[in-house]
């Protein structure tokens, strides 16, 4: 994450803009390289004064004389020059990165995605949404509909970055398609392995738009009743994200997507180094202990309460709509808030899913780490191999 100061902008329907899909992927970080220029040969001609001593011998006499004459000298030299330059390394069109066991490896896409069964299977009243998103959705899934050898790939969405995850610069995304996050008057650029759809850093073979009832909830909370991008309500571009896998293979196989909403910026990894940076104060001993570059960290984060979440997301419409409103509704209904409830239910999956607002990550529809390898919350499948090639990008 890089940082620079920036003013926070308000969010409204007018700020959404359509962008074109660009299939060239640009690496998030420039690489400082030492480049040696080829050797060059130059010829220099100079005129310099020269002293000549001559001896003349005649019969009976030897005479020595000194004269100053002008001579022309030609000097040939070879020079090698070393300079430092900053380059941007392009990524192979069919590749992106992923986290595996603490390292950053490479994805090599091999076929077009598929969404099965269609979104209307789960949301029969959303026919227009299904058409616009090519049948792709987040909110429900059926593993039995996937190919038999399909494996889970966990899509880490930096939800703490709010609406900038969808790519528009008017929502504080960068022109490259990366989201931003502001805390304590400092704005951090959240570089991701895949930028938002329709931007120059979008990953190949990804769906451009997806439908989610969660998107509908956020839009309605913002007063948006007719969708954005001239799309049906609840359909938005695929957000910026990272990938997390549990094994590597040189063979192309199908991978089904499990979406993970990350609300703690302290555990979102850098896409190039795989390391995390503590930028929001935390009540934990080690704020980056659950850095999401391995599956064990994800399992831990699902059950970890961190005060950094509330501080990081206080003005985030995604968090306030999907998480905070739950506890506010409870307070209004019961008229009483008691801290004893949180202490008594810290490890209760029902309470942590429906009420607790400060979990580091939320996996919609999956309430326990034990379900991560056997359940899904989308109908999307990608085809790729993930060889243990380090570092990314190739």
Protein backbone atom coordinates (compact mmCIF):
# COMPACT_ATOMS: atom_id res chain seq x y z
CA UNK A 1 0.00 0.00 0.00
CA UNK A 2 1.30 3.46 -0.84
CA UNK A 3 -0.02 6.61 0.75
CA UNK A 4 -0.67 10.25 -0.04
CA UNK A 5 -2.91 12.93 1.41
CA UNK A 6 -6.28 13.39 -0.21
CA UNK A 7 -9.68 14.87 0.63
CA UNK A 8 -12.61 12.50 1.22
CA UNK A 9 -15.42 12.83 -1.30
CA UNK A 10 -19.13 12.22 -0.75
CA UNK A 11 -20.84 9.33 -2.53
CA UNK A 12 -23.92 9.68 -4.73
CA UNK A 13 -25.47 7.96 -7.71
CA UNK A 14 -24.05 10.56 -10.07
CA UNK A 15 -20.50 9.48 -9.37
CA UNK A 16 -20.82 6.12 -11.08
CA UNK A 17 -19.37 6.08 -14.63
CA UNK A 18 -19.04 3.43 -17.28
CA UNK A 19 -15.54 2.37 -18.31
CA UNK A 20 -14.28 0.21 -21.19
CA UNK A 21 -12.66 -3.19 -20.68
CA UNK A 22 -8.94 -3.11 -21.46
CA UNK A 23 -7.21 -6.45 -21.84
CA UNK A 24 -3.68 -5.26 -21.08
CA UNK A 25 -2.62 -5.93 -17.51
CA UNK A 26 -0.05 -3.64 -15.92
CA UNK A 27 1.93 -4.65 -12.84
CA UNK A 28 1.05 -2.67 -9.72
CA UNK A 29 4.62 -1.77 -8.87
CA UNK A 30 7.38 -0.33 -11.07
CA UNK A 31 10.73 -2.07 -10.83
CA UNK A 32 13.91 0.01 -10.47
CA UNK A 33 16.47 -1.61 -12.77
CA UNK A 34 20.08 -0.97 -13.66
CA UNK A 35 20.41 -0.98 -17.45
CA UNK A 36 23.80 -1.07 -19.21
CA UNK A 37 23.88 0.64 -22.58
CA UNK A 38 25.77 -1.08 -25.44
CA UNK A 39 29.42 -0.13 -25.86
CA UNK A 40 30.01 2.81 -28.26
CA UNK A 41 33.16 3.61 -30.24
CA UNK A 42 34.03 7.22 -30.98
CA UNK A 43 36.87 8.77 -33.02
CA UNK A 44 38.23 12.15 -31.97
CA UNK A 45 40.67 14.17 -34.10
CA UNK A 46 42.70 16.90 -32.35
CA UNK A 47 45.46 19.26 -33.41
CA UNK A 48 48.23 19.83 -30.85
CA UNK A 49 51.66 21.53 -30.88
CA UNK A 50 54.59 19.01 -31.05
CA UNK A 51 58.30 19.52 -30.42
CA UNK A 52 60.54 17.70 -32.94
CA UNK A 53 64.26 17.22 -32.39
CA UNK A 54 66.30 16.52 -35.59
CA UNK A 55 69.97 15.80 -36.13
CA UNK A 56 71.69 16.61 -39.44
CA UNK A 57 75.16 15.26 -40.22
CA UNK A 58 77.34 16.82 -42.90
CA UNK A 59 80.99 16.07 -43.69
CA UNK A 60 83.04 17.44 -40.83
CA UNK A 61 80.05 18.76 -38.87
CA UNK A 62 77.03 17.50 -36.95
CA UNK A 63 74.16 19.93 -36.35
CA UNK A 64 71.27 19.37 -33.93
CA UNK A 65 68.18 21.58 -34.21
CA UNK A 66 64.91 21.85 -32.28
CA UNK A 67 61.66 22.84 -34.07
CA UNK A 68 58.05 23.22 -32.98
CA UNK A 69 55.62 21.90 -35.55
CA UNK A 70 51.90 21.22 -35.66
CA UNK A 71 50.82 17.57 -35.76
CA UNK A 72 47.42 15.99 -36.16
CA UNK A 73 46.55 13.07 -33.81
CA UNK A 74 43.62 10.68 -34.14
CA UNK A 75 42.45 8.96 -30.93
CA UNK A 76 39.90 6.10 -30.91
CA UNK A 77 38.19 5.26 -27.59
CA UNK A 78 35.45 2.87 -26.44
CA UNK A 79 33.04 3.96 -23.69
CA UNK A 80 30.46 1.97 -21.69
CA UNK A 81 27.76 3.98 -19.87
CA UNK A 82 25.56 2.66 -17.02
CA UNK A 83 22.31 4.45 -16.19
CA UNK A 84 19.41 3.82 -13.79
CA UNK A 85 15.85 3.80 -15.08
CA UNK A 86 12.39 2.93 -13.73
CA UNK A 87 10.39 0.49 -15.82
CA UNK A 88 6.83 -0.82 -15.64
CA UNK A 89 6.80 -4.57 -16.24
CA UNK A 90 3.81 -5.83 -18.22
CA UNK A 91 2.12 -9.01 -17.08
CA UNK A 92 1.37 -11.80 -19.52
CA UNK A 93 -2.18 -11.29 -20.78
CA UNK A 94 -3.48 -14.61 -19.41
CA UNK A 95 -1.85 -14.38 -15.99
CA UNK A 96 -2.36 -12.93 -12.54
CA UNK A 97 -1.15 -13.62 -9.02
CA UNK A 98 -2.28 -15.51 -5.92
CA UNK A 99 -1.24 -16.19 -2.34
CA UNK A 100 -0.24 -19.69 -1.31
CA UNK A 101 1.32 -20.67 2.00
CA UNK A 102 2.73 -17.20 2.60
CA UNK A 103 4.17 -16.78 -0.90
CA UNK A 104 2.99 -15.06 -4.06
CA UNK A 105 2.55 -17.44 -6.99
CA UNK A 106 1.29 -17.13 -10.55
CA UNK A 107 -2.09 -17.95 -12.09
CA UNK A 108 -2.17 -19.02 -15.73
CA UNK A 109 -5.71 -18.82 -17.12
CA UNK A 110 -6.62 -21.52 -19.61
CA UNK A 111 -10.32 -21.15 -20.47
CA UNK A 112 -13.29 -18.81 -20.18
CA UNK A 113 -15.18 -18.65 -16.87
CA UNK A 114 -18.61 -20.19 -16.39
CA UNK A 115 -21.46 -19.49 -13.98
CA UNK A 116 -23.52 -22.53 -13.03
CA UNK A 117 -26.32 -22.90 -12.30
CA UNK A 118 -27.58 -19.52 -13.58
CA UNK A 119 -28.30 -16.79 -11.06
CA UNK A 120 -32.05 -17.17 -11.64
CA UNK A 121 -31.85 -20.60 -9.98
CA UNK A 122 -31.14 -18.84 -6.70
CA UNK A 123 -32.87 -15.53 -7.44
CA UNK A 124 -35.85 -16.35 -9.73
CA UNK A 125 -37.19 -12.80 -9.64
CA UNK A 126 -33.93 -11.31 -10.94
CA UNK A 127 -34.16 -12.21 -14.63
CA UNK A 128 -32.83 -8.86 -15.86
CA UNK A 129 -30.02 -8.97 -13.35
CA UNK A 130 -29.03 -12.44 -14.52
CA UNK A 131 -28.92 -11.34 -18.15
CA UNK A 132 -26.80 -8.28 -17.43
CA UNK A 133 -24.33 -10.27 -15.34
CA UNK A 134 -24.28 -13.25 -17.73
CA UNK A 135 -25.83 -15.39 -14.99
CA UNK A 136 -23.00 -14.72 -12.49
CA UNK A 137 -23.82 -13.96 -8.87
CA UNK A 138 -22.51 -13.81 -5.32
CA UNK A 139 -24.92 -14.77 -2.57
CA UNK A 140 -25.58 -18.48 -3.06
CA UNK A 141 -23.98 -21.52 -4.61
CA UNK A 142 -24.30 -25.23 -5.33
CA UNK A 143 -21.03 -27.16 -5.30
CA UNK A 144 -22.70 -30.21 -6.82
CA UNK A 145 -23.26 -28.18 -10.02
CA UNK A 146 -19.51 -27.60 -10.43
CA UNK A 147 -17.13 -29.98 -12.23
CA UNK A 148 -16.13 -32.91 -10.03
CA UNK A 149 -12.48 -31.91 -9.73
CA UNK A 150 -13.20 -28.25 -8.91
CA UNK A 151 -11.28 -26.72 -5.99
CA UNK A 152 -11.94 -23.54 -3.98
CA UNK A 153 -10.20 -20.27 -4.72
CA UNK A 154 -10.86 -17.59 -2.11
CA UNK A 155 -11.40 -14.14 -3.61
CA UNK A 156 -10.25 -11.52 -1.09
CA UNK A 157 -12.14 -8.25 -1.62
CA UNK A 158 -10.78 -5.19 0.25
CA UNK A 159 -14.26 -4.23 1.41
CA UNK A 160 -12.77 -1.78 3.93
CA UNK A 161 -12.01 0.44 0.89
CA UNK A 162 -15.71 1.05 0.38
CA UNK A 163 -17.21 1.76 -3.03
CA UNK A 164 -13.80 2.47 -4.58
CA UNK A 165 -13.43 -1.31 -5.02
CA UNK A 166 -15.70 -1.04 -8.08
CA UNK A 167 -13.29 1.14 -10.06
CA UNK A 168 -14.74 4.62 -10.73
CA UNK A 169 -12.27 7.42 -10.06
CA UNK A 170 -15.17 9.54 -8.76
CA UNK A 171 -15.45 7.02 -5.94
CA UNK A 172 -11.75 7.56 -5.14
CA UNK A 173 -10.40 4.61 -7.14
CA UNK A 174 -7.14 5.27 -8.97
CA UNK A 175 -7.09 5.67 -12.77
CA UNK A 176 -5.44 2.23 -12.91
CA UNK A 177 -8.45 0.61 -11.23
CA UNK A 178 -7.13 0.18 -7.68
CA UNK A 179 -9.25 1.10 -4.63
CA UNK A 180 -8.16 3.54 -1.95
CA UNK A 181 -8.64 3.66 1.80
CA UNK A 182 -8.49 6.79 3.96
CA UNK A 183 -7.69 6.76 7.65
CA UNK A 184 -6.54 9.63 9.87
CA UNK A 185 -6.48 11.99 6.85
CA UNK A 186 -4.05 9.75 4.96
CA UNK A 187 -5.18 7.89 1.82
CA UNK A 188 -3.66 4.52 0.99
CA UNK A 189 -3.73 2.99 -2.50
CA UNK A 190 -4.73 -0.66 -2.13
CA UNK A 191 -2.92 -2.48 -4.90
CA UNK A 192 -4.56 -5.79 -5.77
CA UNK A 193 -3.75 -8.74 -8.00
CA UNK A 194 -6.85 -7.92 -10.05
CA UNK A 195 -8.10 -4.38 -10.47
CA UNK A 196 -11.79 -3.60 -10.86
CA UNK A 197 -13.47 -4.85 -14.04
CA UNK A 198 -13.32 -2.43 -16.95
CA UNK A 199 -9.99 -0.91 -15.88
CA UNK A 200 -6.47 -1.45 -17.19
CA UNK A 201 -5.58 -3.72 -14.26
CA UNK A 202 -8.61 -5.99 -14.54
CA UNK A 203 -7.67 -9.67 -14.75
CA UNK A 204 -8.38 -11.70 -17.89
CA UNK A 205 -11.07 -14.36 -18.09
CA UNK A 206 -13.08 -12.68 -15.33
CA UNK A 207 -16.74 -11.76 -15.51
CA UNK A 208 -17.30 -8.06 -16.16
CA UNK A 209 -20.45 -7.71 -14.05
CA UNK A 210 -21.87 -9.75 -11.20
CA UNK A 211 -25.14 -9.64 -9.30
CA UNK A 212 -25.45 -9.74 -5.54
CA UNK A 213 -28.32 -9.04 -3.16
CA UNK A 214 -25.66 -7.40 -0.99
CA UNK A 215 -25.06 -4.85 -3.78
CA UNK A 216 -28.78 -4.13 -3.83
CA UNK A 217 -28.77 -3.52 -0.06
CA UNK A 218 -25.87 -1.07 -0.32
CA UNK A 219 -27.44 0.80 -3.25
CA UNK A 220 -30.73 1.15 -1.42
CA UNK A 221 -28.97 2.38 1.70
CA UNK A 222 -27.41 5.12 -0.46
CA UNK A 223 -30.78 6.06 -1.91
CA UNK A 224 -30.09 4.46 -5.29
CA UNK A 225 -33.31 2.80 -6.48
CA UNK A 226 -32.65 2.05 -10.15
CA UNK A 227 -29.14 0.64 -10.23
CA UNK A 228 -26.02 2.24 -11.72
CA UNK A 229 -24.13 2.05 -15.05
CA UNK A 230 -27.58 1.75 -16.65
CA UNK A 231 -27.63 -1.74 -15.15
CA UNK A 232 -30.33 -3.45 -13.09
CA UNK A 233 -30.29 -2.91 -9.36
CA UNK A 234 -27.70 -5.05 -7.62
CA UNK A 235 -25.45 -5.49 -10.68
CA UNK A 236 -21.98 -3.95 -10.42
CA UNK A 237 -18.51 -4.46 -11.92
CA UNK A 238 -16.41 -7.26 -10.49
CA UNK A 239 -14.53 -5.50 -7.67
CA UNK A 240 -10.77 -5.32 -7.22
CA UNK A 241 -9.53 -8.42 -5.41
CA UNK A 242 -6.75 -10.86 -4.57
CA UNK A 243 -6.68 -14.67 -4.73
CA UNK A 244 -5.89 -17.24 -2.04
CA UNK A 245 -5.41 -20.96 -2.78
CA UNK A 246 -4.60 -24.01 -0.68
CA UNK A 247 -2.40 -25.93 -3.15
CA UNK A 248 -0.51 -25.52 -6.42
CA UNK A 249 -0.68 -27.50 -9.65
CA UNK A 250 0.83 -27.32 -13.12
CA UNK A 251 -2.39 -28.74 -14.56
CA UNK A 252 -5.37 -26.67 -15.58
CA UNK A 253 -8.38 -27.44 -13.40
CA UNK A 254 -11.68 -25.71 -12.58
CA UNK A 255 -11.75 -23.56 -9.43
CA UNK A 256 -14.97 -22.37 -7.79
CA UNK A 257 -15.04 -18.94 -6.21
CA UNK A 258 -15.63 -18.25 -2.52
CA UNK A 259 -15.92 -14.50 -1.90
CA UNK A 260 -14.35 -13.10 1.28
CA UNK A 261 -15.11 -9.55 2.42
CA UNK A 262 -12.06 -8.18 4.24
CA UNK A 263 -12.91 -5.38 6.69
CA UNK A 264 -9.56 -5.15 8.50
CA UNK A 265 -6.98 -3.25 6.40
CA UNK A 266 -4.18 -4.52 8.65
CA UNK A 267 -4.48 -8.06 7.27
CA UNK A 268 -4.85 -7.33 3.54
CA UNK A 269 -1.59 -8.45 1.83
CA UNK A 270 0.52 -6.54 -0.66
CA UNK A 271 0.05 -8.32 -4.03
CA UNK A 272 3.77 -8.31 -4.83
CA UNK A 273 5.37 -9.08 -1.45
CA UNK A 274 2.52 -10.94 0.25
CA UNK A 275 3.18 -8.97 3.44
CA UNK A 276 0.75 -6.86 5.50
CA UNK A 277 1.06 -3.38 6.97
CA UNK A 278 -0.50 -2.18 10.24
CA UNK A 279 -2.14 1.17 9.48
CA UNK A 280 -5.11 1.26 11.88
CA UNK A 281 -4.74 0.98 15.69
CA UNK A 282 -5.76 -2.41 17.02
CA UNK A 283 -6.58 -3.96 20.37
CA UNK A 284 -4.67 -7.11 19.36
CA UNK A 285 -1.06 -7.83 20.26
CA UNK A 286 -0.08 -8.27 16.61
CA UNK A 287 -2.43 -6.43 14.19
CA UNK A 288 -1.02 -8.25 11.13
CA UNK A 289 -0.96 -11.74 12.66
CA UNK A 290 -3.77 -12.92 10.37
CA UNK A 291 -2.20 -11.55 7.18
CA UNK A 292 -4.32 -13.26 4.52
CA UNK A 293 -1.55 -14.94 2.53
CA UNK A 294 -2.42 -18.45 3.75
CA UNK A 295 -5.54 -20.47 4.53
CA UNK A 296 -4.85 -20.74 8.27
CA UNK A 297 -4.88 -16.94 8.54
CA UNK A 298 -8.25 -16.82 6.81
CA UNK A 299 -9.69 -19.37 9.21
CA UNK A 300 -8.37 -17.38 12.17
CA UNK A 301 -9.64 -14.07 10.79
CA UNK A 302 -13.18 -15.45 10.50
CA UNK A 303 -13.26 -15.76 14.30
CA UNK A 304 -11.10 -12.77 15.29
CA UNK A 305 -12.63 -9.64 16.76
CA UNK A 306 -10.50 -6.51 16.21
CA UNK A 307 -11.27 -2.94 17.21
CA UNK A 308 -9.47 -1.80 14.04
CA UNK A 309 -12.50 -2.90 12.01
CA UNK A 310 -14.90 -0.41 13.60
CA UNK A 311 -12.39 2.44 13.31
CA UNK A 312 -11.52 1.61 9.70
CA UNK A 313 -15.11 1.28 8.51
CA UNK A 314 -16.99 3.98 10.40
CA UNK A 315 -17.90 5.77 7.13
CA UNK A 316 -17.92 2.74 4.85
CA UNK A 317 -21.39 2.18 3.35
CA UNK A 318 -20.63 -1.48 2.65
CA UNK A 319 -19.82 -2.18 6.30
CA UNK A 320 -22.53 0.00 7.77
CA UNK A 321 -25.16 -1.59 5.51
CA UNK A 322 -24.15 -5.24 5.80
CA UNK A 323 -22.81 -5.33 9.36
CA UNK A 324 -23.51 -2.30 11.51
CA UNK A 325 -27.22 -2.15 10.70
CA UNK A 326 -27.64 -5.58 12.25
CA UNK A 327 -26.58 -4.47 15.70
CA UNK A 328 -28.45 -1.16 15.41
CA UNK A 329 -31.66 -3.03 14.62
CA UNK A 330 -31.08 -5.24 17.64
CA UNK A 331 -30.60 -2.24 19.90
CA UNK A 332 -33.72 -0.54 18.60
CA UNK A 333 -35.83 -3.66 19.00
CA UNK A 334 -34.68 -4.52 22.51
CA UNK A 335 -34.06 -0.94 23.69
CA UNK A 336 -31.03 -2.18 25.60
CA UNK A 337 -27.40 -2.65 24.70
CA UNK A 338 -25.23 -4.67 27.08
CA UNK A 339 -21.52 -5.35 26.57
CA UNK A 340 -22.03 -8.66 28.32
CA UNK A 341 -23.69 -9.93 25.15
CA UNK A 342 -20.50 -9.54 23.15
CA UNK A 343 -18.36 -11.20 25.78
CA UNK A 344 -20.78 -14.09 26.18
CA UNK A 345 -21.07 -14.72 22.43
CA UNK A 346 -17.55 -14.04 21.19
CA UNK A 347 -17.29 -17.59 19.78
CA UNK A 348 -20.95 -18.07 18.92
CA UNK A 349 -21.21 -18.41 15.10
CA UNK A 350 -24.83 -17.24 15.08
CA UNK A 351 -24.02 -14.02 16.92
CA UNK A 352 -20.73 -13.36 15.10
CA UNK A 353 -22.45 -13.72 11.73
CA UNK A 354 -25.61 -11.74 12.43
CA UNK A 355 -24.57 -9.19 15.01
CA UNK A 356 -20.85 -8.80 15.71
CA UNK A 357 -19.58 -5.94 13.55
CA UNK A 358 -15.85 -6.16 14.23
CA UNK A 359 -14.90 -9.50 12.70
CA UNK A 360 -11.82 -9.10 10.52
CA UNK A 361 -13.45 -10.86 7.57
CA UNK A 362 -16.95 -11.91 6.59
CA UNK A 363 -17.56 -14.82 4.24
CA UNK A 364 -21.21 -14.38 3.19
CA UNK A 365 -23.20 -17.54 3.77
CA UNK A 366 -20.34 -19.35 5.53
CA UNK A 367 -20.32 -19.06 9.30
CA UNK A 368 -17.52 -21.42 10.34
CA UNK A 369 -13.93 -22.02 9.18
CA UNK A 370 -14.77 -25.72 8.97
CA UNK A 371 -17.08 -24.92 6.04
CA UNK A 372 -14.50 -23.14 3.93
CA UNK A 373 -13.45 -26.26 2.03
CA UNK A 374 -16.95 -27.66 1.53
CA UNK A 375 -19.21 -24.69 0.79
CA UNK A 376 -19.39 -21.77 -1.60
CA UNK A 377 -21.24 -18.47 -1.83
CA UNK A 378 -21.22 -17.93 -5.60
CA UNK A 379 -21.96 -19.80 -8.83
CA UNK A 380 -18.71 -18.81 -10.58
CA UNK A 381 -15.97 -21.14 -11.85
CA UNK A 382 -12.58 -20.18 -13.31
CA UNK A 383 -10.12 -22.41 -15.19
CA UNK A 384 -6.41 -22.00 -14.52
CA UNK A 385 -3.23 -23.65 -13.30
CA UNK A 386 -1.34 -22.17 -10.37
CA UNK A 387 2.27 -23.33 -10.57
CA UNK A 388 4.51 -22.41 -7.65
CA UNK A 389 6.31 -19.79 -9.71
CA UNK A 390 7.67 -17.01 -7.53
CA UNK A 391 7.67 -14.12 -7.68
CA UNK A 392 4.56 -12.87 -9.49
CA UNK A 393 4.35 -11.37 -12.07
CA UNK A 394 6.03 -13.77 -14.45
